Amino acid sequence: MVRRFRSRLQRAGGFTLIELVVVMSLIVLLATVGLTAYRSSIQRGKEAVLREDLFRMRDAIDQYYADKGKYPADLNELVAAGYMRRLPDDPMTQKNDSWQVVPAEPDPNNPSNEPGIYNVTSGSEALALDGTKYSDW
């Protein structure tokens, strides 16, 4: 009877060191996979916001040109004229003054007009998830 009681105590002990190492390594592996997916989803979200901001600013520039017959001199002119409520922050640089503007070609029919802004891109030189630069979007 004493043997039976002693063998039960030995079996009911705790976890072995091997079991603990296996469980901890699985937890670390799952946390690494989760963290990588989390960071990737944050980056995809920023890229989606950048695409939407660029689309909205380019649309406002086109509307400004259609209404006034000339391109805006700077991006703040779009806000002052009511085409945008405010200039959005570049999600990659977290600043609204880092947008890179592309000037329009001079008008050969009216050379006295300044060319204005034809296009806008991100001020970030970082690479997107697809391998292109944000400044090329």
N, C-alpha and C. Protein backbone atom coordinates (compact mmCIF):
# COMPACT_ATOMS: atom_id res chain seq x y z
N MET A 1 0.81 -1.19 0.00
CA MET A 1 0.00 0.00 0.00
C MET A 1 0.85 1.26 0.00
N VAL A 2 1.96 1.22 0.67
CA VAL A 2 2.85 2.36 0.71
C VAL A 2 3.43 2.60 -0.68
N ARG A 3 3.73 1.54 -1.38
CA ARG A 3 4.26 1.69 -2.74
C ARG A 3 3.25 2.35 -3.66
N ARG A 4 2.03 1.92 -3.57
CA ARG A 4 0.98 2.48 -4.41
C ARG A 4 0.83 3.98 -4.13
N PHE A 5 0.86 4.39 -2.88
CA PHE A 5 0.73 5.78 -2.50
C PHE A 5 1.93 6.60 -2.99
N ARG A 6 3.11 6.05 -2.87
CA ARG A 6 4.32 6.74 -3.30
C ARG A 6 4.34 6.91 -4.82
N SER A 7 3.94 5.92 -5.57
CA SER A 7 3.94 6.03 -7.03
C SER A 7 2.92 7.07 -7.50
N ARG A 8 1.80 7.22 -6.80
CA ARG A 8 0.83 8.25 -7.15
C ARG A 8 1.41 9.64 -6.94
N LEU A 9 2.14 9.82 -5.87
CA LEU A 9 2.76 11.11 -5.60
C LEU A 9 3.80 11.45 -6.66
N GLN A 10 4.54 10.47 -7.08
CA GLN A 10 5.56 10.72 -8.08
C GLN A 10 4.93 11.07 -9.42
N ARG A 11 3.84 10.43 -9.79
CA ARG A 11 3.18 10.74 -11.05
C ARG A 11 2.45 12.07 -11.01
N ALA A 12 1.94 12.46 -9.89
CA ALA A 12 1.16 13.69 -9.77
C ALA A 12 2.06 14.90 -9.55
N GLY A 13 3.33 14.80 -9.75
CA GLY A 13 4.26 15.90 -9.55
C GLY A 13 3.89 17.12 -10.37
N GLY A 14 4.78 17.74 -11.05
CA GLY A 14 4.52 18.92 -11.86
C GLY A 14 4.90 18.66 -13.29
N PHE A 15 5.21 19.76 -13.97
CA PHE A 15 5.65 19.64 -15.36
C PHE A 15 7.15 19.41 -15.40
N THR A 16 7.58 18.71 -16.40
CA THR A 16 9.01 18.53 -16.57
C THR A 16 9.58 19.74 -17.28
N LEU A 17 10.86 19.88 -17.20
CA LEU A 17 11.53 21.02 -17.84
C LEU A 17 11.33 20.98 -19.34
N ILE A 18 11.33 19.84 -19.95
CA ILE A 18 11.12 19.70 -21.40
C ILE A 18 9.74 20.21 -21.77
N GLU A 19 8.73 19.82 -21.00
CA GLU A 19 7.37 20.28 -21.29
C GLU A 19 7.27 21.80 -21.20
N LEU A 20 7.88 22.38 -20.20
CA LEU A 20 7.85 23.84 -20.06
C LEU A 20 8.57 24.53 -21.22
N VAL A 21 9.68 24.00 -21.65
CA VAL A 21 10.42 24.59 -22.77
C VAL A 21 9.60 24.50 -24.05
N VAL A 22 8.95 23.39 -24.29
CA VAL A 22 8.12 23.23 -25.49
C VAL A 22 6.96 24.23 -25.47
N VAL A 23 6.28 24.37 -24.35
CA VAL A 23 5.16 25.29 -24.25
C VAL A 23 5.63 26.74 -24.43
N MET A 24 6.72 27.09 -23.80
CA MET A 24 7.24 28.46 -23.93
C MET A 24 7.66 28.76 -25.37
N SER A 25 8.28 27.80 -26.04
CA SER A 25 8.69 28.04 -27.43
C SER A 25 7.47 28.19 -28.33
N LEU A 26 6.40 27.45 -28.08
CA LEU A 26 5.17 27.61 -28.86
C LEU A 26 4.55 28.99 -28.62
N ILE A 27 4.56 29.44 -27.39
CA ILE A 27 4.02 30.77 -27.08
C ILE A 27 4.84 31.85 -27.79
N VAL A 28 6.15 31.74 -27.76
CA VAL A 28 7.00 32.72 -28.44
C VAL A 28 6.77 32.69 -29.94
N LEU A 29 6.63 31.52 -30.50
CA LEU A 29 6.38 31.40 -31.94
C LEU A 29 5.05 32.05 -32.33
N LEU A 30 4.01 31.77 -31.59
CA LEU A 30 2.70 32.37 -31.87
C LEU A 30 2.72 33.89 -31.68
N ALA A 31 3.40 34.37 -30.69
CA ALA A 31 3.50 35.82 -30.46
C ALA A 31 4.26 36.50 -31.60
N THR A 32 5.31 35.85 -32.11
CA THR A 32 6.07 36.41 -33.22
C THR A 32 5.21 36.50 -34.48
N VAL A 33 4.47 35.47 -34.76
CA VAL A 33 3.59 35.47 -35.94
C VAL A 33 2.52 36.56 -35.79
N GLY A 34 1.94 36.67 -34.60
CA GLY A 34 0.92 37.68 -34.36
C GLY A 34 1.46 39.09 -34.47
N LEU A 35 2.65 39.33 -33.95
CA LEU A 35 3.25 40.66 -34.00
C LEU A 35 3.58 41.04 -35.45
N THR A 36 4.06 40.10 -36.22
CA THR A 36 4.36 40.38 -37.63
C THR A 36 3.10 40.72 -38.40
N ALA A 37 2.04 39.97 -38.17
CA ALA A 37 0.77 40.27 -38.84
C ALA A 37 0.22 41.62 -38.40
N TYR A 38 0.37 41.95 -37.14
CA TYR A 38 -0.09 43.24 -36.62
C TYR A 38 0.64 44.40 -37.29
N ARG A 39 1.96 44.30 -37.35
CA ARG A 39 2.75 45.37 -37.98
C ARG A 39 2.41 45.51 -39.46
N SER A 40 2.20 44.40 -40.12
CA SER A 40 1.85 44.44 -41.53
C SER A 40 0.48 45.09 -41.74
N SER A 41 -0.46 44.80 -40.86
CA SER A 41 -1.79 45.41 -41.00
C SER A 41 -1.75 46.90 -40.72
N ILE A 42 -0.91 47.34 -39.81
CA ILE A 42 -0.76 48.77 -39.55
C ILE A 42 -0.20 49.46 -40.81
N GLN A 43 0.79 48.86 -41.42
CA GLN A 43 1.39 49.43 -42.63
C GLN A 43 0.39 49.47 -43.78
N ARG A 44 -0.39 48.42 -43.95
CA ARG A 44 -1.41 48.40 -45.00
C ARG A 44 -2.46 49.49 -44.75
N GLY A 45 -2.80 49.72 -43.50
CA GLY A 45 -3.74 50.78 -43.16
C GLY A 45 -3.20 52.16 -43.52
N LYS A 46 -1.94 52.40 -43.21
CA LYS A 46 -1.32 53.69 -43.56
C LYS A 46 -1.27 53.88 -45.08
N GLU A 47 -0.97 52.79 -45.79
CA GLU A 47 -0.93 52.89 -47.24
C GLU A 47 -2.31 53.18 -47.82
N ALA A 48 -3.35 52.60 -47.23
CA ALA A 48 -4.72 52.87 -47.70
C ALA A 48 -5.09 54.34 -47.45
N VAL A 49 -4.69 54.87 -46.30
CA VAL A 49 -4.96 56.28 -46.00
C VAL A 49 -4.20 57.17 -46.98
N LEU A 50 -2.96 56.83 -47.28
CA LEU A 50 -2.17 57.62 -48.23
C LEU A 50 -2.82 57.62 -49.61
N ARG A 51 -3.26 56.46 -50.07
CA ARG A 51 -3.92 56.40 -51.38
C ARG A 51 -5.17 57.27 -51.41
N GLU A 52 -5.96 57.22 -50.36
CA GLU A 52 -7.19 58.01 -50.29
C GLU A 52 -6.87 59.51 -50.23
N ASP A 53 -5.88 59.90 -49.43
CA ASP A 53 -5.51 61.32 -49.35
C ASP A 53 -5.01 61.84 -50.69
N LEU A 54 -4.18 61.05 -51.37
CA LEU A 54 -3.68 61.47 -52.68
C LEU A 54 -4.83 61.60 -53.68
N PHE A 55 -5.76 60.66 -53.65
CA PHE A 55 -6.91 60.72 -54.55
C PHE A 55 -7.72 61.98 -54.29
N ARG A 56 -7.99 62.28 -53.02
CA ARG A 56 -8.80 63.46 -52.67
C ARG A 56 -8.09 64.76 -53.05
N MET A 57 -6.80 64.85 -52.80
CA MET A 57 -6.07 66.08 -53.15
C MET A 57 -5.98 66.26 -54.66
N ARG A 58 -5.75 65.18 -55.37
CA ARG A 58 -5.68 65.28 -56.84
C ARG A 58 -7.04 65.65 -57.42
N ASP A 59 -8.11 65.12 -56.82
CA ASP A 59 -9.45 65.46 -57.25
C ASP A 59 -9.73 66.95 -56.98
N ALA A 60 -9.30 67.45 -55.83
CA ALA A 60 -9.49 68.87 -55.50
C ALA A 60 -8.70 69.76 -56.47
N ILE A 61 -7.51 69.33 -56.83
CA ILE A 61 -6.71 70.11 -57.80
C ILE A 61 -7.43 70.14 -59.15
N ASP A 62 -7.97 69.02 -59.58
CA ASP A 62 -8.70 68.97 -60.85
C ASP A 62 -9.96 69.84 -60.81
N GLN A 63 -10.68 69.81 -59.69
CA GLN A 63 -11.87 70.66 -59.56
C GLN A 63 -11.50 72.14 -59.57
N TYR A 64 -10.42 72.47 -58.90
CA TYR A 64 -9.95 73.85 -58.88
C TYR A 64 -9.63 74.32 -60.30
N TYR A 65 -8.93 73.46 -61.06
CA TYR A 65 -8.58 73.81 -62.43
C TYR A 65 -9.83 73.94 -63.31
N ALA A 66 -10.79 73.06 -63.12
CA ALA A 66 -12.02 73.12 -63.91
C ALA A 66 -12.81 74.39 -63.61
N ASP A 67 -12.80 74.83 -62.37
CA ASP A 67 -13.57 76.02 -61.99
C ASP A 67 -12.85 77.32 -62.34
N LYS A 68 -11.56 77.38 -62.13
CA LYS A 68 -10.83 78.64 -62.26
C LYS A 68 -9.99 78.75 -63.52
N GLY A 69 -9.78 77.64 -64.20
CA GLY A 69 -9.00 77.68 -65.43
C GLY A 69 -7.50 77.76 -65.21
N LYS A 70 -7.06 77.57 -63.99
CA LYS A 70 -5.63 77.55 -63.67
C LYS A 70 -5.42 76.63 -62.49
N TYR A 71 -4.18 76.19 -62.32
CA TYR A 71 -3.86 75.32 -61.20
C TYR A 71 -3.56 76.17 -59.97
N PRO A 72 -3.77 75.62 -58.76
CA PRO A 72 -3.49 76.39 -57.54
C PRO A 72 -2.00 76.63 -57.38
N ALA A 73 -1.66 77.77 -56.80
CA ALA A 73 -0.25 78.11 -56.58
C ALA A 73 0.38 77.22 -55.50
N ASP A 74 -0.38 76.88 -54.47
CA ASP A 74 0.09 75.95 -53.45
C ASP A 74 -1.09 75.18 -52.88
N LEU A 75 -0.80 74.18 -52.08
CA LEU A 75 -1.86 73.31 -51.56
C LEU A 75 -2.78 74.05 -50.59
N ASN A 76 -2.26 75.04 -49.88
CA ASN A 76 -3.10 75.79 -48.95
C ASN A 76 -4.16 76.61 -49.67
N GLU A 77 -3.94 76.89 -50.93
CA GLU A 77 -4.93 77.61 -51.73
C GLU A 77 -6.19 76.76 -51.93
N LEU A 78 -6.02 75.44 -51.96
CA LEU A 78 -7.17 74.55 -52.05
C LEU A 78 -8.05 74.65 -50.80
N VAL A 79 -7.41 74.80 -49.66
CA VAL A 79 -8.14 74.93 -48.40
C VAL A 79 -8.81 76.30 -48.34
N ALA A 80 -8.07 77.34 -48.72
CA ALA A 80 -8.62 78.71 -48.67
C ALA A 80 -9.80 78.87 -49.63
N ALA A 81 -9.76 78.19 -50.76
CA ALA A 81 -10.84 78.30 -51.74
C ALA A 81 -12.01 77.38 -51.42
N GLY A 82 -11.90 76.54 -50.40
CA GLY A 82 -13.00 75.68 -49.98
C GLY A 82 -13.07 74.34 -50.69
N TYR A 83 -12.04 73.95 -51.40
CA TYR A 83 -12.04 72.65 -52.07
C TYR A 83 -11.69 71.52 -51.11
N MET A 84 -11.04 71.88 -50.02
CA MET A 84 -10.70 70.91 -48.97
C MET A 84 -10.92 71.61 -47.63
N ARG A 85 -11.32 70.85 -46.63
CA ARG A 85 -11.50 71.44 -45.30
C ARG A 85 -10.17 71.76 -44.66
N ARG A 86 -9.25 70.85 -44.81
CA ARG A 86 -7.89 71.05 -44.29
C ARG A 86 -6.95 70.18 -45.09
N LEU A 87 -5.69 70.51 -45.02
CA LEU A 87 -4.67 69.72 -45.69
C LEU A 87 -4.38 68.49 -44.82
N PRO A 88 -4.54 67.28 -45.36
CA PRO A 88 -4.33 66.09 -44.52
C PRO A 88 -2.86 65.87 -44.21
N ASP A 89 -2.62 65.17 -43.11
CA ASP A 89 -1.26 64.78 -42.76
C ASP A 89 -0.84 63.62 -43.65
N ASP A 90 0.41 63.65 -44.09
CA ASP A 90 0.97 62.52 -44.82
C ASP A 90 1.11 61.38 -43.81
N PRO A 91 0.43 60.25 -43.99
CA PRO A 91 0.50 59.19 -42.99
C PRO A 91 1.88 58.57 -42.84
N MET A 92 2.74 58.75 -43.82
CA MET A 92 4.08 58.16 -43.72
C MET A 92 5.05 59.08 -42.97
N THR A 93 4.87 60.39 -43.06
CA THR A 93 5.76 61.32 -42.37
C THR A 93 5.10 61.97 -41.16
N GLN A 94 3.79 61.80 -41.02
CA GLN A 94 3.00 62.37 -39.92
C GLN A 94 3.02 63.89 -39.91
N LYS A 95 3.26 64.52 -41.07
CA LYS A 95 3.26 65.98 -41.18
C LYS A 95 2.43 66.39 -42.39
N ASN A 96 1.81 67.56 -42.32
CA ASN A 96 1.04 68.01 -43.49
C ASN A 96 1.84 68.97 -44.37
N ASP A 97 3.07 69.27 -44.00
CA ASP A 97 3.89 70.15 -44.84
C ASP A 97 4.96 69.38 -45.61
N SER A 98 4.87 68.05 -45.60
CA SER A 98 5.89 67.25 -46.29
C SER A 98 5.44 66.78 -47.67
N TRP A 99 4.23 67.15 -48.10
CA TRP A 99 3.76 66.75 -49.43
C TRP A 99 4.67 67.34 -50.50
N GLN A 100 5.00 66.54 -51.50
CA GLN A 100 5.81 67.00 -52.61
C GLN A 100 4.87 67.37 -53.76
N VAL A 101 5.04 68.58 -54.28
CA VAL A 101 4.16 69.04 -55.36
C VAL A 101 4.87 68.92 -56.70
N VAL A 102 4.09 68.64 -57.73
CA VAL A 102 4.61 68.55 -59.10
C VAL A 102 4.03 69.73 -59.86
N PRO A 103 4.90 70.64 -60.33
CA PRO A 103 4.37 71.82 -61.03
C PRO A 103 3.81 71.46 -62.40
N ALA A 104 2.83 72.25 -62.80
CA ALA A 104 2.22 72.05 -64.12
C ALA A 104 3.12 72.64 -65.20
N GLU A 105 2.90 72.20 -66.42
CA GLU A 105 3.62 72.76 -67.57
C GLU A 105 3.14 74.20 -67.79
N PRO A 106 4.03 75.11 -68.16
CA PRO A 106 3.58 76.47 -68.45
C PRO A 106 2.61 76.49 -69.63
N ASP A 107 1.61 77.37 -69.54
CA ASP A 107 0.60 77.49 -70.59
C ASP A 107 1.18 78.32 -71.74
N PRO A 108 1.33 77.74 -72.94
CA PRO A 108 1.91 78.50 -74.05
C PRO A 108 0.98 79.63 -74.52
N ASN A 109 -0.32 79.51 -74.28
CA ASN A 109 -1.26 80.56 -74.68
C ASN A 109 -1.24 81.75 -73.73
N ASN A 110 -0.83 81.52 -72.50
CA ASN A 110 -0.79 82.58 -71.52
C ASN A 110 0.49 82.45 -70.69
N PRO A 111 1.62 82.92 -71.21
CA PRO A 111 2.90 82.72 -70.51
C PRO A 111 3.03 83.55 -69.24
N SER A 112 2.16 84.53 -69.02
CA SER A 112 2.27 85.35 -67.81
C SER A 112 1.74 84.63 -66.58
N ASN A 113 0.88 83.62 -66.76
CA ASN A 113 0.38 82.86 -65.62
C ASN A 113 1.47 81.97 -65.06
N GLU A 114 1.53 81.89 -63.74
CA GLU A 114 2.45 80.94 -63.13
C GLU A 114 1.86 79.54 -63.29
N PRO A 115 2.70 78.52 -63.42
CA PRO A 115 2.19 77.18 -63.75
C PRO A 115 1.28 76.59 -62.68
N GLY A 116 1.58 76.73 -61.42
CA GLY A 116 0.77 76.14 -60.37
C GLY A 116 1.09 74.68 -60.13
N ILE A 117 0.27 74.03 -59.31
CA ILE A 117 0.49 72.64 -58.90
C ILE A 117 -0.38 71.72 -59.74
N TYR A 118 0.25 70.78 -60.41
CA TYR A 118 -0.45 69.82 -61.25
C TYR A 118 -0.74 68.51 -60.51
N ASN A 119 0.17 68.11 -59.62
CA ASN A 119 0.06 66.82 -58.94
C ASN A 119 0.71 66.93 -57.58
N VAL A 120 0.42 65.96 -56.72
CA VAL A 120 1.00 65.91 -55.39
C VAL A 120 1.38 64.46 -55.07
N THR A 121 2.51 64.28 -54.37
CA THR A 121 2.96 62.95 -53.95
C THR A 121 3.38 63.01 -52.49
N SER A 122 3.64 61.84 -51.92
CA SER A 122 4.08 61.77 -50.54
C SER A 122 5.52 62.26 -50.42
N GLY A 123 5.85 62.79 -49.26
CA GLY A 123 7.20 63.26 -49.01
C GLY A 123 8.12 62.17 -48.49
N SER A 124 7.61 60.97 -48.32
CA SER A 124 8.40 59.88 -47.78
C SER A 124 9.15 59.15 -48.89
N GLU A 125 10.40 58.82 -48.61
CA GLU A 125 11.21 58.06 -49.55
C GLU A 125 11.23 56.57 -49.19
N ALA A 126 10.44 56.19 -48.21
CA ALA A 126 10.41 54.79 -47.77
C ALA A 126 9.75 53.91 -48.83
N LEU A 127 9.95 52.61 -48.69
CA LEU A 127 9.38 51.65 -49.62
C LEU A 127 8.06 51.11 -49.09
N ALA A 128 7.11 50.93 -49.99
CA ALA A 128 5.81 50.35 -49.65
C ALA A 128 5.94 48.84 -49.55
N LEU A 129 4.87 48.19 -49.13
CA LEU A 129 4.88 46.73 -49.03
C LEU A 129 5.05 46.07 -50.39
N ASP A 130 4.64 46.75 -51.47
CA ASP A 130 4.80 46.18 -52.81
C ASP A 130 6.16 46.50 -53.43
N GLY A 131 7.03 47.22 -52.70
CA GLY A 131 8.38 47.50 -53.17
C GLY A 131 8.55 48.84 -53.88
N THR A 132 7.47 49.58 -54.12
CA THR A 132 7.59 50.90 -54.75
C THR A 132 7.79 51.96 -53.68
N LYS A 133 8.31 53.11 -54.11
CA LYS A 133 8.50 54.22 -53.17
C LYS A 133 7.20 54.98 -53.05
N TYR A 134 6.92 55.46 -51.83
CA TYR A 134 5.69 56.24 -51.61
C TYR A 134 5.70 57.53 -52.42
N SER A 135 6.87 58.05 -52.66
CA SER A 135 6.96 59.31 -53.43
C SER A 135 6.65 59.10 -54.89
N ASP A 136 6.57 57.85 -55.34
CA ASP A 136 6.22 57.57 -56.75
C ASP A 136 4.72 57.32 -56.95
N TRP A 137 3.96 57.29 -55.87
CA TRP A 137 2.52 57.03 -55.99
C TRP A 137 1.80 58.20 -56.57
